[in-house]
Amino acid sequence: MAFVVKSSATVIHALFEIETIYEVLLIKFQYLTSSQQSQSPKQASNFKIM
């Protein structure tokens, strides 16, 4: 039983890491596309958080 809990916790942790990486890439992509058109302060501040 403990093994099942541990393995499911590992899977959840991995999913969170993947989601975080995806969000980082998404924000960077948005920043790059917006900086080509016009620099918006909201996206610039999002990028600084990274």
Protein backbone atom coordinates (compact mmCIF):
# COMPACT_ATOMS: atom_id res chain seq x y z
CA MET A 1 0.00 0.00 0.00
CA ALA A 2 2.78 2.42 0.91
CA PHE A 3 4.46 1.69 -2.43
CA VAL A 4 1.29 2.64 -4.33
CA VAL A 5 1.02 5.93 -2.42
CA LYS A 6 4.69 6.71 -3.03
CA SER A 7 4.56 5.91 -6.75
CA SER A 8 1.38 7.95 -7.27
CA ALA A 9 2.99 10.86 -5.41
CA THR A 10 5.99 10.59 -7.74
CA VAL A 11 3.71 10.65 -10.79
CA ILE A 12 1.85 13.72 -9.46
CA HIS A 13 5.17 15.45 -8.75
CA ALA A 14 6.38 14.69 -12.28
CA LEU A 15 3.15 16.09 -13.74
CA PHE A 16 3.59 19.30 -11.74
CA GLU A 17 7.15 19.67 -13.03
CA ILE A 18 6.03 19.11 -16.63
CA GLU A 19 3.24 21.65 -16.17
CA THR A 20 5.68 24.20 -14.72
CA ILE A 21 8.10 23.72 -17.63
CA TYR A 22 5.20 24.05 -20.07
CA GLU A 23 4.07 27.30 -18.43
CA VAL A 24 7.60 28.70 -18.56
CA LEU A 25 7.87 27.89 -22.26
CA LEU A 26 4.41 29.31 -22.92
CA ILE A 27 5.21 32.61 -21.16
CA LYS A 28 8.56 32.88 -22.96
CA PHE A 29 6.82 32.20 -26.29
CA GLN A 30 4.19 34.85 -25.53
CA TYR A 31 6.95 37.28 -24.53
CA LEU A 32 8.86 36.67 -27.78
CA THR A 33 5.79 37.03 -29.98
CA SER A 34 4.61 40.15 -28.16
CA SER A 35 8.05 41.78 -28.21
CA GLN A 36 8.14 41.39 -32.00
CA GLN A 37 4.85 43.27 -32.34
CA SER A 38 4.75 45.66 -29.38
CA GLN A 39 6.25 45.49 -25.90
CA SER A 40 3.43 45.25 -23.37
CA PRO A 41 4.30 45.88 -19.68
CA LYS A 42 2.16 42.93 -18.49
CA GLN A 43 4.15 40.39 -20.51
CA ALA A 44 7.44 42.01 -19.56
CA SER A 45 6.59 41.67 -15.87
CA ASN A 46 5.58 38.04 -16.45
CA PHE A 47 8.99 37.40 -17.96
CA LYS A 48 10.81 38.97 -14.99
CA ILE A 49 9.09 36.51 -12.62
CA MET A 50 10.80 33.70 -14.51
